[in-house]
Amino acid sequence: MPLNEERARSLMAERGVETLIATSPQNVYYITDYWSDGLELGASEAYAILPLDGAPLLIAPVDEVDLIAEGEAIFESLYLYGSPGFEASADWTAERTGEILRLLESSKI
């Protein structure tokens, strides 16, 4: 784990910081050891929270849960956000496409 927890908490206490919120990929990694290409490329966002007293927690996109499960990230609580998505059947897609085409045909554009 990259986090020097003793030093971080000492500095937090010294400066009166009760909670540290990390938003950059590098700082999220520093606190939780969680990294993904999506974070590095700016395609997704994750946040790490380090309370003065307590374990780190991670907030990450649900579509990266596999990376989290396979990785070595260290946190006590995990909060996921976003939609897991779904795979539409060909019939469902054809029906929605037909509806869109009918709407377009009857509209002035």
PDB file of N, CA and C in Angstrom:
ATOM      1  N   MET A   1       0.856  -1.184   0.000  1.00  0.00           N
ATOM      2  CA  MET A   1       0.000   0.000   0.000  1.00  0.00           C
ATOM      3  C   MET A   1       0.896   1.239   0.000  1.00  0.00           C
ATOM      4  N   PRO A   2       0.691   2.136  -0.947  1.00  0.00           N
ATOM      5  CA  PRO A   2       1.527   3.333  -1.018  1.00  0.00           C
ATOM      6  C   PRO A   2       1.347   4.277   0.170  1.00  0.00           C
ATOM      7  N   LEU A   3       0.193   4.251   0.802  1.00  0.00           N
ATOM      8  CA  LEU A   3      -0.123   5.206   1.863  1.00  0.00           C
ATOM      9  C   LEU A   3       0.769   5.013   3.085  1.00  0.00           C
ATOM     10  N   ASN A   4       1.428   6.086   3.476  1.00  0.00           N
ATOM     11  CA  ASN A   4       2.128   6.113   4.757  1.00  0.00           C
ATOM     12  C   ASN A   4       1.088   6.622   5.752  1.00  0.00           C
ATOM     13  N   GLU A   5       0.302   5.678   6.244  1.00  0.00           N
ATOM     14  CA  GLU A   5      -0.868   6.027   7.049  1.00  0.00           C
ATOM     15  C   GLU A   5      -0.501   6.823   8.298  1.00  0.00           C
ATOM     16  N   GLU A   6       0.555   6.432   8.956  1.00  0.00           N
ATOM     17  CA  GLU A   6       0.962   7.134  10.181  1.00  0.00           C
ATOM     18  C   GLU A   6       1.284   8.600   9.884  1.00  0.00           C
ATOM     19  N   ARG A   7       2.033   8.828   8.830  1.00  0.00           N
ATOM     20  CA  ARG A   7       2.410  10.200   8.458  1.00  0.00           C
ATOM     21  C   ARG A   7       1.189  11.010   8.022  1.00  0.00           C
ATOM     22  N   ALA A   8       0.338  10.391   7.191  1.00  0.00           N
ATOM     23  CA  ALA A   8      -0.854  11.088   6.705  1.00  0.00           C
ATOM     24  C   ALA A   8      -1.752  11.512   7.867  1.00  0.00           C
ATOM     25  N   ARG A   9      -2.007  10.603   8.776  1.00  0.00           N
ATOM     26  CA  ARG A   9      -2.888  10.919   9.907  1.00  0.00           C
ATOM     27  C   ARG A   9      -2.247  11.938  10.848  1.00  0.00           C
ATOM     28  N   SER A  10      -0.945  11.861  11.004  1.00  0.00           N
ATOM     29  CA  SER A  10      -0.241  12.833  11.840  1.00  0.00           C
ATOM     30  C   SER A  10      -0.377  14.238  11.254  1.00  0.00           C
ATOM     31  N   LEU A  11      -0.176  14.352   9.938  1.00  0.00           N
ATOM     32  CA  LEU A  11      -0.318  15.654   9.275  1.00  0.00           C
ATOM     33  C   LEU A  11      -1.761  16.147   9.318  1.00  0.00           C
ATOM     34  N   MET A  12      -2.718  15.217   9.152  1.00  0.00           N
ATOM     35  CA  MET A  12      -4.124  15.601   9.227  1.00  0.00           C
ATOM     36  C   MET A  12      -4.445  16.168  10.607  1.00  0.00           C
ATOM     37  N   ALA A  13      -4.025  15.471  11.656  1.00  0.00           N
ATOM     38  CA  ALA A  13      -4.294  15.920  13.028  1.00  0.00           C
ATOM     39  C   ALA A  13      -3.616  17.257  13.302  1.00  0.00           C
ATOM     40  N   GLU A  14      -2.384  17.390  12.851  1.00  0.00           N
ATOM     41  CA  GLU A  14      -1.616  18.628  13.052  1.00  0.00           C
ATOM     42  C   GLU A  14      -2.308  19.827  12.418  1.00  0.00           C
ATOM     43  N   ARG A  15      -2.961  19.596  11.287  1.00  0.00           N
ATOM     44  CA  ARG A  15      -3.604  20.690  10.548  1.00  0.00           C
ATOM     45  C   ARG A  15      -5.110  20.782  10.793  1.00  0.00           C
ATOM     46  N   GLY A  16      -5.630  19.942  11.667  1.00  0.00           N
ATOM     47  CA  GLY A  16      -7.054  19.991  11.992  1.00  0.00           C
ATOM     48  C   GLY A  16      -7.954  19.441  10.899  1.00  0.00           C
ATOM     49  N   VAL A  17      -7.436  18.539  10.084  1.00  0.00           N
ATOM     50  CA  VAL A  17      -8.220  17.941   8.998  1.00  0.00           C
ATOM     51  C   VAL A  17      -8.836  16.639   9.508  1.00  0.00           C
ATOM     52  N   GLU A  18     -10.166  16.567   9.518  1.00  0.00           N
ATOM     53  CA  GLU A  18     -10.845  15.370  10.009  1.00  0.00           C
ATOM     54  C   GLU A  18     -11.027  14.320   8.928  1.00  0.00           C
ATOM     55  N   THR A  19     -11.139  14.765   7.681  1.00  0.00           N
ATOM     56  CA  THR A  19     -11.364  13.842   6.569  1.00  0.00           C
ATOM     57  C   THR A  19     -10.607  14.333   5.352  1.00  0.00           C
ATOM     58  N   LEU A  20      -9.892  13.422   4.735  1.00  0.00           N
ATOM     59  CA  LEU A  20      -9.153  13.727   3.514  1.00  0.00           C
ATOM     60  C   LEU A  20      -9.895  13.082   2.354  1.00  0.00           C
ATOM     61  N   ILE A  21     -10.224  13.873   1.335  1.00  0.00           N
ATOM     62  CA  ILE A  21     -10.929  13.361   0.162  1.00  0.00           C
ATOM     63  C   ILE A  21     -10.000  13.466  -1.031  1.00  0.00           C
ATOM     64  N   ALA A  22      -9.679  12.334  -1.617  1.00  0.00           N
ATOM     65  CA  ALA A  22      -8.788  12.295  -2.778  1.00  0.00           C
ATOM     66  C   ALA A  22      -9.617  12.171  -4.045  1.00  0.00           C
ATOM     67  N   THR A  23      -9.318  13.030  -5.019  1.00  0.00           N
ATOM     68  CA  THR A  23     -10.078  13.018  -6.270  1.00  0.00           C
ATOM     69  C   THR A  23      -9.223  12.737  -7.498  1.00  0.00           C
ATOM     70  N   SER A  24      -7.938  12.966  -7.424  1.00  0.00           N
ATOM     71  CA  SER A  24      -7.092  12.683  -8.589  1.00  0.00           C
ATOM     72  C   SER A  24      -6.729  11.198  -8.587  1.00  0.00           C
ATOM     73  N   PRO A  25      -6.524  10.610  -9.763  1.00  0.00           N
ATOM     74  CA  PRO A  25      -6.169   9.184  -9.815  1.00  0.00           C
ATOM     75  C   PRO A  25      -4.950   8.842  -8.954  1.00  0.00           C
ATOM     76  N   GLN A  26      -3.959   9.723  -8.965  1.00  0.00           N
ATOM     77  CA  GLN A  26      -2.747   9.454  -8.194  1.00  0.00           C
ATOM     78  C   GLN A  26      -3.027   9.427  -6.694  1.00  0.00           C
ATOM     79  N   ASN A  27      -3.846  10.353  -6.227  1.00  0.00           N
ATOM     80  CA  ASN A  27      -4.146  10.410  -4.799  1.00  0.00           C
ATOM     81  C   ASN A  27      -5.094   9.298  -4.360  1.00  0.00           C
ATOM     82  N   VAL A  28      -6.031   8.920  -5.245  1.00  0.00           N
ATOM     83  CA  VAL A  28      -6.891   7.766  -4.953  1.00  0.00           C
ATOM     84  C   VAL A  28      -6.017   6.523  -4.798  1.00  0.00           C
ATOM     85  N   TYR A  29      -5.064   6.385  -5.711  1.00  0.00           N
ATOM     86  CA  TYR A  29      -4.132   5.249  -5.636  1.00  0.00           C
ATOM     87  C   TYR A  29      -3.312   5.302  -4.347  1.00  0.00           C
ATOM     88  N   TYR A  30      -2.852   6.477  -3.991  1.00  0.00           N
ATOM     89  CA  TYR A  30      -2.033   6.635  -2.787  1.00  0.00           C
ATOM     90  C   TYR A  30      -2.779   6.158  -1.539  1.00  0.00           C
ATOM     91  N   ILE A  31      -4.052   6.491  -1.450  1.00  0.00           N
ATOM     92  CA  ILE A  31      -4.823   6.152  -0.255  1.00  0.00           C
ATOM     93  C   ILE A  31      -5.326   4.710  -0.271  1.00  0.00           C
ATOM     94  N   THR A  32      -5.751   4.203  -1.446  1.00  0.00           N
ATOM     95  CA  THR A  32      -6.421   2.895  -1.482  1.00  0.00           C
ATOM     96  C   THR A  32      -5.676   1.815  -2.252  1.00  0.00           C
ATOM     97  N   ASP A  33      -4.656   2.175  -3.000  1.00  0.00           N
ATOM     98  CA  ASP A  33      -3.943   1.230  -3.864  1.00  0.00           C
ATOM     99  C   ASP A  33      -4.828   0.773  -5.032  1.00  0.00           C
ATOM    100  N   TYR A  34      -5.847   1.571  -5.377  1.00  0.00           N
ATOM    101  CA  TYR A  34      -6.742   1.250  -6.497  1.00  0.00           C
ATOM    102  C   TYR A  34      -6.343   2.065  -7.712  1.00  0.00           C
ATOM    103  N   TRP A  35      -6.194   1.386  -8.844  1.00  0.00           N
ATOM    104  CA  TRP A  35      -5.826   2.044 -10.096  1.00  0.00           C
ATOM    105  C   TRP A  35      -6.545   1.372 -11.249  1.00  0.00           C
ATOM    106  N   SER A  36      -6.937   2.141 -12.252  1.00  0.00           N
ATOM    107  CA  SER A  36      -7.504   1.570 -13.470  1.00  0.00           C
ATOM    108  C   SER A  36      -7.118   2.445 -14.649  1.00  0.00           C
ATOM    109  N   ASP A  37      -7.137   1.865 -15.827  1.00  0.00           N
ATOM    110  CA  ASP A  37      -6.854   2.643 -17.033  1.00  0.00           C
ATOM    111  C   ASP A  37      -7.905   3.730 -17.228  1.00  0.00           C
ATOM    112  N   GLY A  38      -9.147   3.432 -16.836  1.00  0.00           N
ATOM    113  CA  GLY A  38     -10.207   4.424 -16.949  1.00  0.00           C
ATOM    114  C   GLY A  38      -9.898   5.683 -16.164  1.00  0.00           C
ATOM    115  N   LEU A  39      -9.326   5.519 -14.992  1.00  0.00           N
ATOM    116  CA  LEU A  39      -8.938   6.679 -14.183  1.00  0.00           C
ATOM    117  C   LEU A  39      -7.817   7.446 -14.861  1.00  0.00           C
ATOM    118  N   GLU A  40      -6.823   6.711 -15.318  1.00  0.00           N
ATOM    119  CA  GLU A  40      -5.661   7.349 -15.932  1.00  0.00           C
ATOM    120  C   GLU A  40      -6.043   8.120 -17.192  1.00  0.00           C
ATOM    121  N   LEU A  41      -6.961   7.567 -17.984  1.00  0.00           N
ATOM    122  CA  LEU A  41      -7.355   8.191 -19.246  1.00  0.00           C
ATOM    123  C   LEU A  41      -8.463   9.223 -19.081  1.00  0.00           C
ATOM    124  N   GLY A  42      -8.991   9.353 -17.875  1.00  0.00           N
ATOM    125  CA  GLY A  42     -10.064  10.315 -17.638  1.00  0.00           C
ATOM    126  C   GLY A  42     -11.425   9.812 -18.069  1.00  0.00           C
ATOM    127  N   ALA A  43     -11.549   8.511 -18.324  1.00  0.00           N
ATOM    128  CA  ALA A  43     -12.817   7.942 -18.769  1.00  0.00           C
ATOM    129  C   ALA A  43     -13.737   7.614 -17.596  1.00  0.00           C
ATOM    130  N   SER A  44     -13.192   7.559 -16.399  1.00  0.00           N
ATOM    131  CA  SER A  44     -14.003   7.298 -15.215  1.00  0.00           C
ATOM    132  C   SER A  44     -13.413   8.076 -14.043  1.00  0.00           C
ATOM    133  N   GLU A  45     -14.157   8.094 -12.972  1.00  0.00           N
ATOM    134  CA  GLU A  45     -13.709   8.805 -11.777  1.00  0.00           C
ATOM    135  C   GLU A  45     -13.865   7.899 -10.568  1.00  0.00           C
ATOM    136  N   ALA A  46     -12.938   8.020  -9.652  1.00  0.00           N
ATOM    137  CA  ALA A  46     -13.038   7.322  -8.372  1.00  0.00           C
ATOM    138  C   ALA A  46     -12.571   8.295  -7.299  1.00  0.00           C
ATOM    139  N   TYR A  47     -13.015   8.046  -6.092  1.00  0.00           N
ATOM    140  CA  TYR A  47     -12.677   8.918  -4.977  1.00  0.00           C
ATOM    141  C   TYR A  47     -12.280   8.057  -3.786  1.00  0.00           C
ATOM    142  N   ALA A  48     -11.326   8.528  -3.032  1.00  0.00           N
ATOM    143  CA  ALA A  48     -10.922   7.847  -1.808  1.00  0.00           C
ATOM    144  C   ALA A  48     -11.133   8.803  -0.649  1.00  0.00           C
ATOM    145  N   ILE A  49     -11.618   8.266   0.437  1.00  0.00           N
ATOM    146  CA  ILE A  49     -11.851   9.074   1.622  1.00  0.00           C
ATOM    147  C   ILE A  49     -11.078   8.453   2.776  1.00  0.00           C
ATOM    148  N   LEU A  50     -10.271   9.272   3.412  1.00  0.00           N
ATOM    149  CA  LEU A  50      -9.482   8.830   4.557  1.00  0.00           C
ATOM    150  C   LEU A  50      -9.900   9.647   5.768  1.00  0.00           C
ATOM    151  N   PRO A  51     -10.683   9.051   6.673  1.00  0.00           N
ATOM    152  CA  PRO A  51     -11.034   9.767   7.898  1.00  0.00           C
ATOM    153  C   PRO A  51      -9.850   9.772   8.858  1.00  0.00           C
ATOM    154  N   LEU A  52      -9.806  10.758   9.713  1.00  0.00           N
ATOM    155  CA  LEU A  52      -8.727  10.827  10.699  1.00  0.00           C
ATOM    156  C   LEU A  52      -8.711   9.565  11.557  1.00  0.00           C
ATOM    157  N   ASP A  53      -9.893   9.120  11.940  1.00  0.00           N
ATOM    158  CA  ASP A  53     -10.035   7.868  12.697  1.00  0.00           C
ATOM    159  C   ASP A  53     -10.863   6.906  11.870  1.00  0.00           C
ATOM    160  N   GLY A  54     -10.285   5.833  11.417  1.00  0.00           N
ATOM    161  CA  GLY A  54     -11.023   4.848  10.638  1.00  0.00           C
ATOM    162  C   GLY A  54     -10.291   4.461   9.374  1.00  0.00           C
ATOM    163  N   ALA A  55     -10.820   3.450   8.730  1.00  0.00           N
ATOM    164  CA  ALA A  55     -10.197   2.907   7.526  1.00  0.00           C
ATOM    165  C   ALA A  55     -10.601   3.702   6.289  1.00  0.00           C
ATOM    166  N   PRO A  56      -9.775   3.665   5.253  1.00  0.00           N
ATOM    167  CA  PRO A  56     -10.114   4.339   3.998  1.00  0.00           C
ATOM    168  C   PRO A  56     -11.355   3.716   3.360  1.00  0.00           C
ATOM    169  N   LEU A  57     -12.069   4.518   2.582  1.00  0.00           N
ATOM    170  CA  LEU A  57     -13.161   3.975   1.787  1.00  0.00           C
ATOM    171  C   LEU A  57     -12.995   4.436   0.358  1.00  0.00           C
ATOM    172  N   LEU A  58     -13.575   3.664  -0.552  1.00  0.00           N
ATOM    173  CA  LEU A  58     -13.427   3.899  -1.983  1.00  0.00           C
ATOM    174  C   LEU A  58     -14.791   4.091  -2.615  1.00  0.00           C
ATOM    175  N   ILE A  59     -14.904   5.090  -3.477  1.00  0.00           N
ATOM    176  CA  ILE A  59     -16.097   5.320  -4.287  1.00  0.00           C
ATOM    177  C   ILE A  59     -15.648   5.148  -5.726  1.00  0.00           C
ATOM    178  N   ALA A  60     -16.256   4.193  -6.440  1.00  0.00           N
ATOM    179  CA  ALA A  60     -15.781   3.861  -7.782  1.00  0.00           C
ATOM    180  C   ALA A  60     -16.952   3.503  -8.693  1.00  0.00           C
ATOM    181  N   PRO A  61     -16.736   3.557 -10.015  1.00  0.00           N
ATOM    182  CA  PRO A  61     -17.799   3.202 -10.950  1.00  0.00           C
ATOM    183  C   PRO A  61     -18.094   1.704 -10.916  1.00  0.00           C
ATOM    184  N   VAL A  62     -19.365   1.375 -11.013  1.00  0.00           N
ATOM    185  CA  VAL A  62     -19.793  -0.021 -10.934  1.00  0.00           C
ATOM    186  C   VAL A  62     -19.190  -0.854 -12.065  1.00  0.00           C
ATOM    187  N   ASP A  63     -18.922  -0.242 -13.209  1.00  0.00           N
ATOM    188  CA  ASP A  63     -18.373  -1.032 -14.316  1.00  0.00           C
ATOM    189  C   ASP A  63     -16.895  -1.370 -14.129  1.00  0.00           C
ATOM    190  N   GLU A  64     -16.297  -0.939 -13.034  1.00  0.00           N
ATOM    191  CA  GLU A  64     -14.918  -1.319 -12.726  1.00  0.00           C
ATOM    192  C   GLU A  64     -14.843  -2.247 -11.515  1.00  0.00           C
ATOM    193  N   VAL A  65     -15.996  -2.785 -11.118  1.00  0.00           N
ATOM    194  CA  VAL A  65     -16.024  -3.641  -9.933  1.00  0.00           C
ATOM    195  C   VAL A  65     -15.159  -4.884 -10.130  1.00  0.00           C
ATOM    196  N   ASP A  66     -15.032  -5.358 -11.367  1.00  0.00           N
ATOM    197  CA  ASP A  66     -14.177  -6.523 -11.612  1.00  0.00           C
ATOM    198  C   ASP A  66     -12.712  -6.198 -11.328  1.00  0.00           C
ATOM    199  N   LEU A  67     -12.285  -4.997 -11.693  1.00  0.00           N
ATOM    200  CA  LEU A  67     -10.909  -4.586 -11.412  1.00  0.00           C
ATOM    201  C   LEU A  67     -10.667  -4.477  -9.912  1.00  0.00           C
ATOM    202  N   ILE A  68     -11.671  -3.982  -9.225  1.00  0.00           N
ATOM    203  CA  ILE A  68     -11.558  -3.838  -7.777  1.00  0.00           C
ATOM    204  C   ILE A  68     -11.461  -5.219  -7.125  1.00  0.00           C
ATOM    205  N   ALA A  69     -12.314  -6.142  -7.579  1.00  0.00           N
ATOM    206  CA  ALA A  69     -12.323  -7.489  -7.004  1.00  0.00           C
ATOM    207  C   ALA A  69     -11.014  -8.226  -7.265  1.00  0.00           C
ATOM    208  N   GLU A  70     -10.447  -8.030  -8.440  1.00  0.00           N
ATOM    209  CA  GLU A  70      -9.213  -8.729  -8.806  1.00  0.00           C
ATOM    210  C   GLU A  70      -7.962  -8.034  -8.279  1.00  0.00           C
ATOM    211  N   GLY A  71      -8.088  -6.772  -7.922  1.00  0.00           N
ATOM    212  CA  GLY A  71      -6.927  -5.994  -7.507  1.00  0.00           C
ATOM    213  C   GLY A  71      -6.583  -6.157  -6.045  1.00  0.00           C
ATOM    214  N   GLU A  72      -5.703  -5.303  -5.615  1.00  0.00           N
ATOM    215  CA  GLU A  72      -5.228  -5.357  -4.234  1.00  0.00           C
ATOM    216  C   GLU A  72      -5.572  -4.083  -3.472  1.00  0.00           C
ATOM    217  N   ALA A  73      -6.611  -3.388  -3.919  1.00  0.00           N
ATOM    218  CA  ALA A  73      -6.999  -2.144  -3.259  1.00  0.00           C
ATOM    219  C   ALA A  73      -7.347  -2.407  -1.797  1.00  0.00           C
ATOM    220  N   ILE A  74      -7.007  -1.435  -0.966  1.00  0.00           N
ATOM    221  CA  ILE A  74      -7.221  -1.573   0.470  1.00  0.00           C
ATOM    222  C   ILE A  74      -8.210  -0.502   0.922  1.00  0.00           C
ATOM    223  N   PHE A  75      -9.354  -0.947   1.419  1.00  0.00           N
ATOM    224  CA  PHE A  75     -10.382  -0.041   1.912  1.00  0.00           C
ATOM    225  C   PHE A  75     -11.316  -0.853   2.784  1.00  0.00           C
ATOM    226  N   GLU A  76     -12.033  -0.168   3.653  1.00  0.00           N
ATOM    227  CA  GLU A  76     -12.980  -0.868   4.520  1.00  0.00           C
ATOM    228  C   GLU A  76     -14.364  -0.905   3.892  1.00  0.00           C
ATOM    229  N   SER A  77     -14.735   0.170   3.215  1.00  0.00           N
ATOM    230  CA  SER A  77     -16.057   0.259   2.600  1.00  0.00           C
ATOM    231  C   SER A  77     -15.904   0.630   1.136  1.00  0.00           C
ATOM    232  N   LEU A  78     -16.781   0.064   0.325  1.00  0.00           N
ATOM    233  CA  LEU A  78     -16.806   0.342  -1.106  1.00  0.00           C
ATOM    234  C   LEU A  78     -18.192   0.837  -1.473  1.00  0.00           C
ATOM    235  N   TYR A  79     -18.234   1.972  -2.152  1.00  0.00           N
ATOM    236  CA  TYR A  79     -19.488   2.517  -2.647  1.00  0.00           C
ATOM    237  C   TYR A  79     -19.375   2.604  -4.157  1.00  0.00           C
ATOM    238  N   LEU A  80     -20.351   2.041  -4.853  1.00  0.00           N
ATOM    239  CA  LEU A  80     -20.339   2.037  -6.315  1.00  0.00           C
ATOM    240  C   LEU A  80     -21.376   3.015  -6.836  1.00  0.00           C
ATOM    241  N   TYR A  81     -21.076   3.617  -7.961  1.00  0.00           N
ATOM    242  CA  TYR A  81     -22.037   4.507  -8.600  1.00  0.00           C
ATOM    243  C   TYR A  81     -22.138   4.151 -10.071  1.00  0.00           C
ATOM    244  N   GLY A  82     -23.214   4.608 -10.699  1.00  0.00           N
ATOM    245  CA  GLY A  82     -23.398   4.382 -12.125  1.00  0.00           C
ATOM    246  C   GLY A  82     -24.336   3.228 -12.400  1.00  0.00           C
ATOM    247  N   SER A  83     -24.567   3.011 -13.662  1.00  0.00           N
ATOM    248  CA  SER A  83     -25.467   1.959 -14.115  1.00  0.00           C
ATOM    249  C   SER A  83     -24.659   0.780 -14.640  1.00  0.00           C
ATOM    250  N   PRO A  84     -25.034  -0.430 -14.265  1.00  0.00           N
ATOM    251  CA  PRO A  84     -24.297  -1.578 -14.784  1.00  0.00           C
ATOM    252  C   PRO A  84     -24.579  -1.850 -16.254  1.00  0.00           C
ATOM    253  N   GLY A  85     -25.573  -1.150 -16.815  1.00  0.00           N
ATOM    254  CA  GLY A  85     -25.906  -1.357 -18.221  1.00  0.00           C
ATOM    255  C   GLY A  85     -26.645  -2.668 -18.426  1.00  0.00           C
ATOM    256  N   PHE A  86     -26.977  -2.930 -19.660  1.00  0.00           N
ATOM    257  CA  PHE A  86     -27.645  -4.185 -19.981  1.00  0.00           C
ATOM    258  C   PHE A  86     -27.400  -4.489 -21.447  1.00  0.00           C
ATOM    259  N   GLU A  87     -27.573  -5.742 -21.785  1.00  0.00           N
ATOM    260  CA  GLU A  87     -27.450  -6.146 -23.175  1.00  0.00           C
ATOM    261  C   GLU A  87     -28.852  -6.314 -23.725  1.00  0.00           C
ATOM    262  N   ALA A  88     -29.165  -5.574 -24.760  1.00  0.00           N
ATOM    263  CA  ALA A  88     -30.494  -5.626 -25.353  1.00  0.00           C
ATOM    264  C   ALA A  88     -30.552  -6.732 -26.401  1.00  0.00           C
ATOM    265  N   SER A  89     -31.698  -7.384 -26.462  1.00  0.00           N
ATOM    266  CA  SER A  89     -31.883  -8.416 -27.485  1.00  0.00           C
ATOM    267  C   SER A  89     -32.050  -7.747 -28.842  1.00  0.00           C
ATOM    268  N   ALA A  90     -31.877  -8.518 -29.894  1.00  0.00           N
ATOM    269  CA  ALA A  90     -32.035  -7.990 -31.249  1.00  0.00           C
ATOM    270  C   ALA A  90     -33.466  -7.505 -31.468  1.00  0.00           C
ATOM    271  N   ASP A  91     -34.455  -8.239 -30.935  1.00  0.00           N
ATOM    272  CA  ASP A  91     -35.857  -7.830 -31.092  1.00  0.00           C
ATOM    273  C   ASP A  91     -36.117  -6.496 -30.401  1.00  0.00           C
ATOM    274  N   TRP A  92     -35.611  -6.345 -29.177  1.00  0.00           N
ATOM    275  CA  TRP A  92     -35.808  -5.104 -28.438  1.00  0.00           C
ATOM    276  C   TRP A  92     -35.181  -3.947 -29.201  1.00  0.00           C
ATOM    277  N   THR A  93     -33.974  -4.139 -29.705  1.00  0.00           N
ATOM    278  CA  THR A  93     -33.280  -3.093 -30.452  1.00  0.00           C
ATOM    279  C   THR A  93     -34.045  -2.738 -31.719  1.00  0.00           C
ATOM    280  N   ALA A  94     -34.554  -3.742 -32.429  1.00  0.00           N
ATOM    281  CA  ALA A  94     -35.320  -3.496 -33.658  1.00  0.00           C
ATOM    282  C   ALA A  94     -36.595  -2.717 -33.350  1.00  0.00           C
ATOM    283  N   GLU A  95     -37.280  -3.069 -32.272  1.00  0.00           N
ATOM    284  CA  GLU A  95     -38.501  -2.357 -31.891  1.00  0.00           C
ATOM    285  C   GLU A  95     -38.202  -0.894 -31.566  1.00  0.00           C
ATOM    286  N   ARG A  96     -37.162  -0.630 -30.777  1.00  0.00           N
ATOM    287  CA  ARG A  96     -36.810   0.753 -30.426  1.00  0.00           C
ATOM    288  C   ARG A  96     -36.387   1.526 -31.670  1.00  0.00           C
ATOM    289  N   THR A  97     -35.642   0.895 -32.559  1.00  0.00           N
ATOM    290  CA  THR A  97     -35.216   1.559 -33.793  1.00  0.00           C
ATOM    291  C   THR A  97     -36.429   1.917 -34.636  1.00  0.00           C
ATOM    292  N   GLY A  98     -37.397   0.998 -34.727  1.00  0.00           N
ATOM    293  CA  GLY A  98     -38.629   1.270 -35.463  1.00  0.00           C
ATOM    294  C   GLY A  98     -39.394   2.442 -34.872  1.00  0.00           C
ATOM    295  N   GLU A  99     -39.475   2.501 -33.549  1.00  0.00           N
ATOM    296  CA  GLU A  99     -40.153   3.614 -32.885  1.00  0.00           C
ATOM    297  C   GLU A  99     -39.461   4.938 -33.198  1.00  0.00           C
ATOM    298  N   ILE A 100     -38.158   4.941 -33.162  1.00  0.00           N
ATOM    299  CA  ILE A 100     -37.405   6.164 -33.450  1.00  0.00           C
ATOM    300  C   ILE A 100     -37.618   6.594 -34.892  1.00  0.00           C
ATOM    301  N   LEU A 101     -37.585   5.642 -35.817  1.00  0.00           N
ATOM    302  CA  LEU A 101     -37.800   5.981 -37.232  1.00  0.00           C
ATOM    303  C   LEU A 101     -39.195   6.539 -37.453  1.00  0.00           C
ATOM    304  N   ARG A 102     -40.218   5.947 -36.820  1.00  0.00           N
ATOM    305  CA  ARG A 102     -41.587   6.464 -36.960  1.00  0.00           C
ATOM    306  C   ARG A 102     -41.690   7.890 -36.423  1.00  0.00           C
ATOM    307  N   LEU A 103     -41.043   8.155 -35.307  1.00  0.00           N
ATOM    308  CA  LEU A 103     -41.053   9.507 -34.751  1.00  0.00           C
ATOM    309  C   LEU A 103     -40.356  10.491 -35.686  1.00  0.00           C
ATOM    310  N   LEU A 104     -39.251  10.072 -36.261  1.00  0.00           N
ATOM    311  CA  LEU A 104     -38.522  10.949 -37.178  1.00  0.00           C
ATOM    312  C   LEU A 104     -39.324  11.228 -38.441  1.00  0.00           C
ATOM    313  N   GLU A 105     -40.003  10.209 -38.958  1.00  0.00           N
ATOM    314  CA  GLU A 105     -40.791  10.375 -40.178  1.00  0.00           C
ATOM    315  C   GLU A 105     -41.957  11.335 -39.967  1.00  0.00           C
ATOM    316  N   SER A 106     -42.504  11.354 -38.775  1.00  0.00           N
ATOM    317  CA  SER A 106     -43.663  12.209 -38.515  1.00  0.00           C
ATOM    318  C   SER A 106     -43.274  13.579 -37.961  1.00  0.00           C
ATOM    319  N   SER A 107     -41.990  13.857 -37.892  1.00  0.00           N
ATOM    320  CA  SER A 107     -41.525  15.119 -37.323  1.00  0.00           C
ATOM    321  C   SER A 107     -40.963  16.030 -38.389  1.00  0.00           C
ATOM    322  N   LYS A 108     -41.044  17.321 -38.117  1.00  0.00           N
ATOM    323  CA  LYS A 108     -40.373  18.304 -38.961  1.00  0.00           C
ATOM    324  C   LYS A 108     -38.984  18.513 -38.387  1.00  0.00           C
ATOM    325  N   ILE A 109     -38.003  18.323 -39.209  1.00  0.00           N
ATOM    326  CA  ILE A 109     -36.627  18.499 -38.745  1.00  0.00           C
ATOM    327  C   ILE A 109     -35.974  19.604 -39.536  1.00  0.00           C
TER     328      ILE A 109
END
